[in-house]
Amino acid sequence: MMERIITIAPNMPHDRTLATLSGSDHMLEPSQAERVAELFKALADPTRVRMIGLLAHYELCVGDLATLMGMSQPATSHQLRILRTMRIVRARREGKCVFYQLDDDHIHHILLDGLAHADHE
C-alpha cells in the first residue's frame, strides 16, 4: 500500500488542509488513544519501568523481584498487579511461588525504544 504524502504549506488555506486530512488513515480512534494512554500511564512509574527491565530478561518470583528491587513483597505485588492488569506482565504459579515475566515482546521493544529516545541527544 502506498503511503499518502500530505503537504501543509504556509499559503495553503486552512479549510483545504482540513479537507486533505479528514479521513486520514493516521488518525487514531478515540478508543485506541485511550488504550495507548492507559499503557503509557502504567509505564510512567520509574519503579515499574525498572521491574520491566528485569522481567525483560528473567522470569522472577515475587520474593526475588522484591529483593532485587529493594522493596517489600506487598509493594512489589501491588506494582505487579498494575502491570498484570495492563497485560504488560503475565504470571504463573508454581507451588506457593508466583513467577512473572513480560507478557510479550512488544513491551520489551517499547522499553528499548524508550531507552534509545531518553539517551538520544
C-alpha atoms as a PDB file:
ATOM      1  CA  MET A   1       0.000   0.000   0.000  1.00  0.00           C
ATOM      2  CA  MET A   2       1.376   3.391  -0.985  1.00  0.00           C
ATOM      3  CA  GLU A   3       1.728   5.990   1.753  1.00  0.00           C
ATOM      4  CA  ARG A   4      -0.167   9.235   1.138  1.00  0.00           C
ATOM      5  CA  ILE A   5       2.017  12.324   1.420  1.00  0.00           C
ATOM      6  CA  ILE A   6       0.335  15.314   2.990  1.00  0.00           C
ATOM      7  CA  THR A   7       1.984  18.660   2.455  1.00  0.00           C
ATOM      8  CA  ILE A   8       0.871  21.581   4.550  1.00  0.00           C
ATOM      9  CA  ALA A   9       2.256  24.724   3.004  1.00  0.00           C
ATOM     10  CA  PRO A  10       2.106  28.097   4.749  1.00  0.00           C
ATOM     11  CA  ASN A  11      -0.071  29.539   1.960  1.00  0.00           C
ATOM     12  CA  MET A  12      -2.485  26.600   1.919  1.00  0.00           C
ATOM     13  CA  PRO A  13      -5.962  27.648   3.052  1.00  0.00           C
ATOM     14  CA  HIS A  14      -6.912  26.171   6.405  1.00  0.00           C
ATOM     15  CA  ASP A  15     -10.127  24.549   5.158  1.00  0.00           C
ATOM     16  CA  ARG A  16      -8.196  22.811   2.382  1.00  0.00           C
ATOM     17  CA  THR A  17      -5.771  21.429   4.954  1.00  0.00           C
ATOM     18  CA  LEU A  18      -8.656  20.006   6.952  1.00  0.00           C
ATOM     19  CA  ALA A  19     -10.214  18.542   3.823  1.00  0.00           C
ATOM     20  CA  THR A  20      -6.903  16.896   2.949  1.00  0.00           C
ATOM     21  CA  LEU A  21      -6.536  15.437   6.436  1.00  0.00           C
ATOM     22  CA  SER A  22     -10.136  14.355   7.012  1.00  0.00           C
ATOM     23  CA  GLY A  23     -10.467  10.615   6.889  1.00  0.00           C
ATOM     24  CA  SER A  24      -6.720  10.216   7.331  1.00  0.00           C
ATOM     25  CA  ASP A  25      -5.558   6.673   8.000  1.00  0.00           C
ATOM     26  CA  HIS A  26      -3.143   8.123  10.538  1.00  0.00           C
ATOM     27  CA  MET A  27      -5.792   9.480  12.916  1.00  0.00           C
ATOM     28  CA  LEU A  28      -6.196   7.289  15.989  1.00  0.00           C
ATOM     29  CA  GLU A  29      -9.674   6.310  17.018  1.00  0.00           C
ATOM     30  CA  PRO A  30     -10.589   7.667  20.484  1.00  0.00           C
ATOM     31  CA  SER A  31     -10.703   4.132  21.908  1.00  0.00           C
ATOM     32  CA  GLN A  32      -7.212   3.409  20.529  1.00  0.00           C
ATOM     33  CA  ALA A  33      -5.850   6.631  22.005  1.00  0.00           C
ATOM     34  CA  GLU A  34      -7.410   5.761  25.381  1.00  0.00           C
ATOM     35  CA  ARG A  35      -5.809   2.281  25.431  1.00  0.00           C
ATOM     36  CA  VAL A  36      -2.387   3.649  24.492  1.00  0.00           C
ATOM     37  CA  ALA A  37      -2.673   6.420  27.104  1.00  0.00           C
ATOM     38  CA  GLU A  38      -3.525   3.801  29.762  1.00  0.00           C
ATOM     39  CA  LEU A  39      -0.464   1.784  28.734  1.00  0.00           C
ATOM     40  CA  PHE A  40       1.742   4.878  28.963  1.00  0.00           C
ATOM     41  CA  LYS A  41       0.285   5.660  32.408  1.00  0.00           C
ATOM     42  CA  ALA A  42       1.325   2.202  33.593  1.00  0.00           C
ATOM     43  CA  LEU A  43       4.799   2.797  32.155  1.00  0.00           C
ATOM     44  CA  ALA A  44       5.072   6.278  33.691  1.00  0.00           C
ATOM     45  CA  ASP A  45       6.323   4.960  37.040  1.00  0.00           C
ATOM     46  CA  PRO A  46      10.129   4.509  37.345  1.00  0.00           C
ATOM     47  CA  THR A  47       9.711   1.550  39.716  1.00  0.00           C
ATOM     48  CA  ARG A  48       7.536  -0.292  37.210  1.00  0.00           C
ATOM     49  CA  VAL A  49       9.965   0.536  34.386  1.00  0.00           C
ATOM     50  CA  ARG A  50      12.819  -0.967  36.425  1.00  0.00           C
ATOM     51  CA  MET A  51      10.719  -4.093  37.029  1.00  0.00           C
ATOM     52  CA  ILE A  52      10.007  -4.343  33.312  1.00  0.00           C
ATOM     53  CA  GLY A  53      13.742  -4.049  32.659  1.00  0.00           C
ATOM     54  CA  LEU A  54      14.404  -7.080  34.860  1.00  0.00           C
ATOM     55  CA  LEU A  55      11.432  -9.065  33.584  1.00  0.00           C
ATOM     56  CA  ALA A  56      12.554  -8.441  30.004  1.00  0.00           C
ATOM     57  CA  HIS A  57      15.467 -10.773  30.745  1.00  0.00           C
ATOM     58  CA  TYR A  58      14.333 -13.051  33.569  1.00  0.00           C
ATOM     59  CA  GLU A  59      11.268 -14.835  34.834  1.00  0.00           C
ATOM     60  CA  LEU A  60      11.240 -13.962  38.541  1.00  0.00           C
ATOM     61  CA  CYS A  61       9.130 -14.851  41.552  1.00  0.00           C
ATOM     62  CA  VAL A  62       7.676 -12.016  43.604  1.00  0.00           C
ATOM     63  CA  GLY A  63      10.100 -12.550  46.500  1.00  0.00           C
ATOM     64  CA  ASP A  64      13.199 -12.478  44.295  1.00  0.00           C
ATOM     65  CA  LEU A  65      11.937  -9.431  42.420  1.00  0.00           C
ATOM     66  CA  ALA A  66      11.228  -7.667  45.732  1.00  0.00           C
ATOM     67  CA  THR A  67      14.781  -8.400  46.923  1.00  0.00           C
ATOM     68  CA  LEU A  68      16.344  -7.192  43.675  1.00  0.00           C
ATOM     69  CA  MET A  69      14.218  -4.033  43.731  1.00  0.00           C
ATOM     70  CA  GLY A  70      14.865  -3.350  47.435  1.00  0.00           C
ATOM     71  CA  MET A  71      11.123  -3.292  48.092  1.00  0.00           C
ATOM     72  CA  SER A  72       8.732  -5.097  50.394  1.00  0.00           C
ATOM     73  CA  GLN A  73       6.862  -8.047  48.953  1.00  0.00           C
ATOM     74  CA  PRO A  74       3.442  -6.325  49.319  1.00  0.00           C
ATOM     75  CA  ALA A  75       4.712  -3.206  47.499  1.00  0.00           C
ATOM     76  CA  THR A  76       6.180  -5.382  44.747  1.00  0.00           C
ATOM     77  CA  SER A  77       2.928  -7.339  44.433  1.00  0.00           C
ATOM     78  CA  HIS A  78       0.986  -4.072  44.163  1.00  0.00           C
ATOM     79  CA  GLN A  79       3.142  -2.866  41.260  1.00  0.00           C
ATOM     80  CA  LEU A  80       2.950  -6.274  39.562  1.00  0.00           C
ATOM     81  CA  ARG A  81      -0.842  -6.242  39.876  1.00  0.00           C
ATOM     82  CA  ILE A  82      -0.930  -2.960  37.931  1.00  0.00           C
ATOM     83  CA  LEU A  83       1.379  -4.384  35.264  1.00  0.00           C
ATOM     84  CA  ARG A  84      -0.662  -7.583  35.031  1.00  0.00           C
ATOM     85  CA  THR A  85      -3.943  -5.669  34.734  1.00  0.00           C
ATOM     86  CA  MET A  86      -2.454  -3.788  31.765  1.00  0.00           C
ATOM     87  CA  ARG A  87      -1.260  -7.095  30.222  1.00  0.00           C
ATOM     88  CA  ILE A  88       2.350  -5.935  30.477  1.00  0.00           C
ATOM     89  CA  VAL A  89       3.376  -8.979  32.526  1.00  0.00           C
ATOM     90  CA  ARG A  90       1.899 -12.428  32.985  1.00  0.00           C
ATOM     91  CA  ALA A  91       2.071 -14.728  35.968  1.00  0.00           C
ATOM     92  CA  ARG A  92       2.312 -18.440  36.522  1.00  0.00           C
ATOM     93  CA  ARG A  93       2.029 -20.280  39.799  1.00  0.00           C
ATOM     94  CA  GLU A  94       4.469 -22.980  40.815  1.00  0.00           C
ATOM     95  CA  GLY A  95       3.597 -24.321  44.250  1.00  0.00           C
ATOM     96  CA  LYS A  96       3.451 -21.338  46.596  1.00  0.00           C
ATOM     97  CA  CYS A  97       5.511 -19.105  44.295  1.00  0.00           C
ATOM     98  CA  VAL A  98       4.145 -16.843  41.582  1.00  0.00           C
ATOM     99  CA  PHE A  99       6.573 -16.174  38.741  1.00  0.00           C
ATOM    100  CA  TYR A 100       6.329 -13.143  36.461  1.00  0.00           C
ATOM    101  CA  GLN A 101       7.645 -12.394  33.000  1.00  0.00           C
ATOM    102  CA  LEU A 102       6.805  -9.934  30.236  1.00  0.00           C
ATOM    103  CA  ASP A 103       3.557 -10.768  28.500  1.00  0.00           C
ATOM    104  CA  ASP A 104       5.062 -10.352  25.014  1.00  0.00           C
ATOM    105  CA  ASP A 105       7.943  -8.833  23.070  1.00  0.00           C
ATOM    106  CA  HIS A 106       6.049  -5.595  22.375  1.00  0.00           C
ATOM    107  CA  ILE A 107       6.781  -4.358  25.887  1.00  0.00           C
ATOM    108  CA  HIS A 108      10.479  -5.160  25.540  1.00  0.00           C
ATOM    109  CA  HIS A 109      10.577  -3.177  22.280  1.00  0.00           C
ATOM    110  CA  ILE A 110       8.782  -0.245  23.932  1.00  0.00           C
ATOM    111  CA  LEU A 111      11.366  -0.325  26.732  1.00  0.00           C
ATOM    112  CA  LEU A 112      14.277  -0.410  24.269  1.00  0.00           C
ATOM    113  CA  ASP A 113      12.774   2.415  22.189  1.00  0.00           C
ATOM    114  CA  GLY A 114      12.171   4.444  25.358  1.00  0.00           C
ATOM    115  CA  LEU A 115      15.782   3.966  26.440  1.00  0.00           C
ATOM    116  CA  ALA A 116      17.049   4.951  22.990  1.00  0.00           C
ATOM    117  CA  HIS A 117      14.848   8.047  22.993  1.00  0.00           C
ATOM    118  CA  ALA A 118      15.870   9.053  26.540  1.00  0.00           C
ATOM    119  CA  ASP A 119      19.562   8.655  25.659  1.00  0.00           C
ATOM    120  CA  HIS A 120      19.226  10.499  22.340  1.00  0.00           C
ATOM    121  CA  GLU A 121      20.752  13.961  22.374  1.00  0.00           C
END
